[in-house]
Amino acid sequence: KAQYNLATYYSNGTNIGQDNDMAIYWFRKAALQMDPQAQRELGFHYISGEGLKQSYNFGLNWLNAAKDRGDVKAQSYMQSIFISPQSIVRK
């Protein structure tokens, strides 16, 4: 949980400077330890290409992992997007 919290601090710039590289680093560490919120955030970052190379496949895999662990926001986000070869569009 602490890794996820630290990642959100870096992502939002809360009390420490905003740093996408550090946010991704800590989201990944927490996601690999099965934190569903971190998995959701990492999935979002992959899909949006925010802070790392865009990958719909990696993004959807992380979102599915979060959804399978009960993360309602991941499920909602997956239902609200449409992925085309050119872009991602929120419904």
N, C-alpha and C. Protein backbone atom coordinates (compact mmCIF):
# COMPACT_ATOMS: atom_id res chain seq x y z
N LYS A 1 0.82 -1.20 0.00
CA LYS A 1 0.00 0.00 0.00
C LYS A 1 0.87 1.26 0.00
N ALA A 2 1.96 1.20 0.73
CA ALA A 2 2.86 2.36 0.80
C ALA A 2 3.46 2.67 -0.57
N GLN A 3 3.77 1.63 -1.34
CA GLN A 3 4.33 1.84 -2.68
C GLN A 3 3.31 2.54 -3.58
N TYR A 4 2.07 2.11 -3.51
CA TYR A 4 1.00 2.75 -4.29
C TYR A 4 0.85 4.21 -3.86
N ASN A 5 0.84 4.46 -2.55
CA ASN A 5 0.69 5.83 -2.07
C ASN A 5 1.84 6.71 -2.54
N LEU A 6 3.06 6.20 -2.47
CA LEU A 6 4.21 6.96 -2.92
C LEU A 6 4.09 7.26 -4.42
N ALA A 7 3.64 6.27 -5.18
CA ALA A 7 3.44 6.48 -6.63
C ALA A 7 2.44 7.58 -6.90
N THR A 8 1.35 7.62 -6.14
CA THR A 8 0.35 8.67 -6.36
C THR A 8 0.91 10.04 -5.98
N TYR A 9 1.74 10.09 -4.96
CA TYR A 9 2.39 11.37 -4.60
C TYR A 9 3.23 11.87 -5.76
N TYR A 10 4.04 10.97 -6.34
CA TYR A 10 4.85 11.37 -7.49
C TYR A 10 3.99 11.74 -8.69
N SER A 11 2.93 10.98 -8.91
CA SER A 11 2.06 11.24 -10.05
C SER A 11 1.36 12.59 -9.94
N ASN A 12 0.90 12.92 -8.74
CA ASN A 12 0.16 14.16 -8.52
C ASN A 12 1.04 15.33 -8.10
N GLY A 13 2.29 15.05 -7.73
CA GLY A 13 3.17 16.10 -7.24
C GLY A 13 2.82 16.54 -5.83
N THR A 14 2.21 15.65 -5.06
CA THR A 14 1.78 15.96 -3.70
C THR A 14 2.96 15.88 -2.74
N ASN A 15 3.29 17.00 -2.12
CA ASN A 15 4.36 17.10 -1.12
C ASN A 15 5.76 16.77 -1.64
N ILE A 16 5.86 16.31 -2.85
CA ILE A 16 7.14 16.07 -3.51
C ILE A 16 6.96 16.48 -4.96
N GLY A 17 8.00 16.80 -5.65
CA GLY A 17 7.85 17.22 -7.04
C GLY A 17 7.23 16.14 -7.91
N GLN A 18 6.44 16.56 -8.88
CA GLN A 18 5.83 15.60 -9.80
C GLN A 18 6.92 14.96 -10.64
N ASP A 19 6.87 13.63 -10.72
CA ASP A 19 7.89 12.88 -11.45
C ASP A 19 7.24 11.61 -12.00
N ASN A 20 6.88 11.63 -13.29
CA ASN A 20 6.20 10.48 -13.91
C ASN A 20 7.05 9.22 -13.89
N ASP A 21 8.36 9.37 -14.07
CA ASP A 21 9.23 8.18 -14.05
C ASP A 21 9.17 7.48 -12.70
N MET A 22 9.25 8.26 -11.63
CA MET A 22 9.19 7.67 -10.29
C MET A 22 7.79 7.12 -10.00
N ALA A 23 6.76 7.80 -10.49
CA ALA A 23 5.40 7.31 -10.30
C ALA A 23 5.24 5.94 -10.96
N ILE A 24 5.70 5.82 -12.19
CA ILE A 24 5.60 4.54 -12.90
C ILE A 24 6.40 3.46 -12.18
N TYR A 25 7.60 3.82 -11.73
CA TYR A 25 8.44 2.87 -11.00
C TYR A 25 7.70 2.30 -9.81
N TRP A 26 7.08 3.16 -8.99
CA TRP A 26 6.39 2.69 -7.79
C TRP A 26 5.05 2.04 -8.09
N PHE A 27 4.34 2.52 -9.12
CA PHE A 27 3.11 1.81 -9.52
C PHE A 27 3.44 0.39 -9.94
N ARG A 28 4.51 0.22 -10.71
CA ARG A 28 4.90 -1.12 -11.19
C ARG A 28 5.26 -2.03 -10.01
N LYS A 29 6.06 -1.51 -9.06
CA LYS A 29 6.43 -2.33 -7.89
C LYS A 29 5.19 -2.78 -7.13
N ALA A 30 4.26 -1.87 -6.92
CA ALA A 30 3.04 -2.21 -6.19
C ALA A 30 2.15 -3.15 -7.01
N ALA A 31 2.07 -2.92 -8.32
CA ALA A 31 1.24 -3.77 -9.19
C ALA A 31 1.75 -5.20 -9.21
N LEU A 32 3.05 -5.37 -9.23
CA LEU A 32 3.63 -6.72 -9.22
C LEU A 32 3.39 -7.44 -7.91
N GLN A 33 3.06 -6.68 -6.86
CA GLN A 33 2.70 -7.27 -5.57
C GLN A 33 1.19 -7.39 -5.42
N MET A 34 0.50 -7.32 -6.55
CA MET A 34 -0.95 -7.56 -6.65
C MET A 34 -1.82 -6.48 -6.03
N ASP A 35 -1.34 -5.24 -5.99
CA ASP A 35 -2.17 -4.14 -5.52
C ASP A 35 -3.09 -3.73 -6.67
N PRO A 36 -4.41 -3.93 -6.54
CA PRO A 36 -5.32 -3.65 -7.66
C PRO A 36 -5.36 -2.18 -8.07
N GLN A 37 -5.21 -1.26 -7.12
CA GLN A 37 -5.21 0.15 -7.48
C GLN A 37 -3.98 0.49 -8.32
N ALA A 38 -2.85 -0.06 -7.95
CA ALA A 38 -1.62 0.17 -8.72
C ALA A 38 -1.73 -0.47 -10.09
N GLN A 39 -2.34 -1.65 -10.17
CA GLN A 39 -2.53 -2.30 -11.46
C GLN A 39 -3.41 -1.44 -12.36
N ARG A 40 -4.47 -0.86 -11.79
CA ARG A 40 -5.35 0.02 -12.57
C ARG A 40 -4.58 1.23 -13.08
N GLU A 41 -3.84 1.88 -12.21
CA GLU A 41 -3.10 3.07 -12.60
C GLU A 41 -2.05 2.74 -13.66
N LEU A 42 -1.37 1.63 -13.50
CA LEU A 42 -0.37 1.23 -14.49
C LEU A 42 -1.05 0.95 -15.83
N GLY A 43 -2.21 0.30 -15.79
CA GLY A 43 -2.97 0.06 -17.01
C GLY A 43 -3.37 1.35 -17.69
N PHE A 44 -3.82 2.30 -16.91
CA PHE A 44 -4.20 3.60 -17.46
C PHE A 44 -3.00 4.28 -18.11
N HIS A 45 -1.85 4.24 -17.45
CA HIS A 45 -0.65 4.87 -17.99
C HIS A 45 -0.21 4.22 -19.29
N TYR A 46 -0.31 2.90 -19.36
CA TYR A 46 0.04 2.22 -20.62
C TYR A 46 -0.92 2.62 -21.74
N ILE A 47 -2.20 2.62 -21.46
CA ILE A 47 -3.18 2.94 -22.49
C ILE A 47 -3.06 4.39 -22.95
N SER A 48 -2.87 5.28 -22.02
CA SER A 48 -2.79 6.70 -22.38
C SER A 48 -1.40 7.09 -22.91
N GLY A 49 -0.40 6.26 -22.63
CA GLY A 49 0.96 6.60 -23.02
C GLY A 49 1.56 7.67 -22.13
N GLU A 50 0.97 7.86 -20.97
CA GLU A 50 1.42 8.88 -20.03
C GLU A 50 2.56 8.33 -19.17
N GLY A 51 3.77 8.80 -19.43
CA GLY A 51 4.91 8.39 -18.63
C GLY A 51 5.66 7.17 -19.15
N LEU A 52 5.10 6.49 -20.13
CA LEU A 52 5.80 5.36 -20.74
C LEU A 52 5.26 5.11 -22.14
N LYS A 53 5.90 4.19 -22.85
CA LYS A 53 5.49 3.92 -24.22
C LYS A 53 4.08 3.31 -24.23
N GLN A 54 3.21 3.88 -25.07
CA GLN A 54 1.83 3.44 -25.14
C GLN A 54 1.73 1.99 -25.60
N SER A 55 0.93 1.22 -24.89
CA SER A 55 0.68 -0.17 -25.24
C SER A 55 -0.72 -0.55 -24.76
N TYR A 56 -1.62 -0.71 -25.71
CA TYR A 56 -2.98 -1.09 -25.36
C TYR A 56 -3.01 -2.48 -24.74
N ASN A 57 -2.20 -3.40 -25.26
CA ASN A 57 -2.19 -4.76 -24.72
C ASN A 57 -1.75 -4.79 -23.26
N PHE A 58 -0.62 -4.14 -22.95
CA PHE A 58 -0.17 -4.10 -21.56
C PHE A 58 -1.21 -3.39 -20.69
N GLY A 59 -1.76 -2.31 -21.20
CA GLY A 59 -2.75 -1.56 -20.44
C GLY A 59 -3.97 -2.40 -20.11
N LEU A 60 -4.49 -3.08 -21.10
CA LEU A 60 -5.68 -3.92 -20.86
C LEU A 60 -5.36 -5.09 -19.95
N ASN A 61 -4.16 -5.65 -20.06
CA ASN A 61 -3.77 -6.74 -19.16
C ASN A 61 -3.75 -6.27 -17.71
N TRP A 62 -3.17 -5.09 -17.47
CA TRP A 62 -3.14 -4.57 -16.10
C TRP A 62 -4.54 -4.21 -15.61
N LEU A 63 -5.36 -3.63 -16.48
CA LEU A 63 -6.73 -3.31 -16.07
C LEU A 63 -7.53 -4.57 -15.75
N ASN A 64 -7.34 -5.61 -16.54
CA ASN A 64 -8.01 -6.89 -16.26
C ASN A 64 -7.56 -7.47 -14.93
N ALA A 65 -6.27 -7.38 -14.65
CA ALA A 65 -5.76 -7.89 -13.37
C ALA A 65 -6.40 -7.13 -12.21
N ALA A 66 -6.50 -5.81 -12.35
CA ALA A 66 -7.13 -5.01 -11.30
C ALA A 66 -8.61 -5.36 -11.16
N LYS A 67 -9.29 -5.50 -12.28
CA LYS A 67 -10.71 -5.85 -12.27
C LYS A 67 -10.91 -7.21 -11.60
N ASP A 68 -10.05 -8.16 -11.91
CA ASP A 68 -10.16 -9.50 -11.32
C ASP A 68 -9.93 -9.50 -9.81
N ARG A 69 -9.26 -8.47 -9.31
CA ARG A 69 -9.03 -8.33 -7.87
C ARG A 69 -10.06 -7.40 -7.23
N GLY A 70 -11.12 -7.10 -7.98
CA GLY A 70 -12.24 -6.37 -7.41
C GLY A 70 -12.20 -4.85 -7.54
N ASP A 71 -11.28 -4.34 -8.35
CA ASP A 71 -11.21 -2.88 -8.51
C ASP A 71 -12.33 -2.41 -9.42
N VAL A 72 -13.33 -1.76 -8.85
CA VAL A 72 -14.51 -1.31 -9.58
C VAL A 72 -14.15 -0.22 -10.59
N LYS A 73 -13.21 0.65 -10.23
CA LYS A 73 -12.81 1.73 -11.15
C LYS A 73 -12.18 1.16 -12.42
N ALA A 74 -11.42 0.08 -12.30
CA ALA A 74 -10.82 -0.54 -13.48
C ALA A 74 -11.91 -1.07 -14.40
N GLN A 75 -12.89 -1.73 -13.83
CA GLN A 75 -13.99 -2.26 -14.63
C GLN A 75 -14.76 -1.14 -15.31
N SER A 76 -15.04 -0.08 -14.57
CA SER A 76 -15.76 1.06 -15.12
C SER A 76 -14.96 1.71 -16.25
N TYR A 77 -13.67 1.88 -16.05
CA TYR A 77 -12.81 2.49 -17.07
C TYR A 77 -12.80 1.63 -18.33
N MET A 78 -12.71 0.32 -18.17
CA MET A 78 -12.69 -0.58 -19.34
C MET A 78 -13.99 -0.48 -20.12
N GLN A 79 -15.09 -0.25 -19.45
CA GLN A 79 -16.38 -0.14 -20.12
C GLN A 79 -16.55 1.21 -20.80
N SER A 80 -15.74 2.20 -20.41
CA SER A 80 -15.92 3.54 -20.93
C SER A 80 -14.97 3.90 -22.06
N ILE A 81 -14.14 2.96 -22.50
CA ILE A 81 -13.17 3.27 -23.55
C ILE A 81 -13.43 2.43 -24.80
N PHE A 82 -13.00 2.98 -25.90
CA PHE A 82 -13.01 2.27 -27.17
C PHE A 82 -11.63 2.43 -27.77
N ILE A 83 -10.98 1.34 -28.06
CA ILE A 83 -9.63 1.40 -28.61
C ILE A 83 -9.70 1.10 -30.09
N SER A 84 -9.21 2.05 -30.88
CA SER A 84 -9.10 1.86 -32.31
C SER A 84 -7.62 1.86 -32.67
N PRO A 85 -7.25 1.45 -33.88
CA PRO A 85 -5.83 1.46 -34.25
C PRO A 85 -5.21 2.85 -34.17
N GLN A 86 -6.00 3.91 -34.30
CA GLN A 86 -5.44 5.26 -34.31
C GLN A 86 -5.40 5.90 -32.92
N SER A 87 -6.38 5.61 -32.10
CA SER A 87 -6.44 6.34 -30.84
C SER A 87 -7.32 5.62 -29.85
N ILE A 88 -7.36 6.21 -28.67
CA ILE A 88 -8.26 5.74 -27.63
C ILE A 88 -9.30 6.83 -27.38
N VAL A 89 -10.54 6.44 -27.28
CA VAL A 89 -11.62 7.40 -27.13
C VAL A 89 -12.46 6.97 -25.94
N ARG A 90 -12.74 7.90 -25.04
CA ARG A 90 -13.66 7.62 -23.94
C ARG A 90 -15.08 7.81 -24.44
N LYS A 91 -15.95 6.88 -24.08
CA LYS A 91 -17.35 6.98 -24.48
C LYS A 91 -18.06 8.00 -23.62
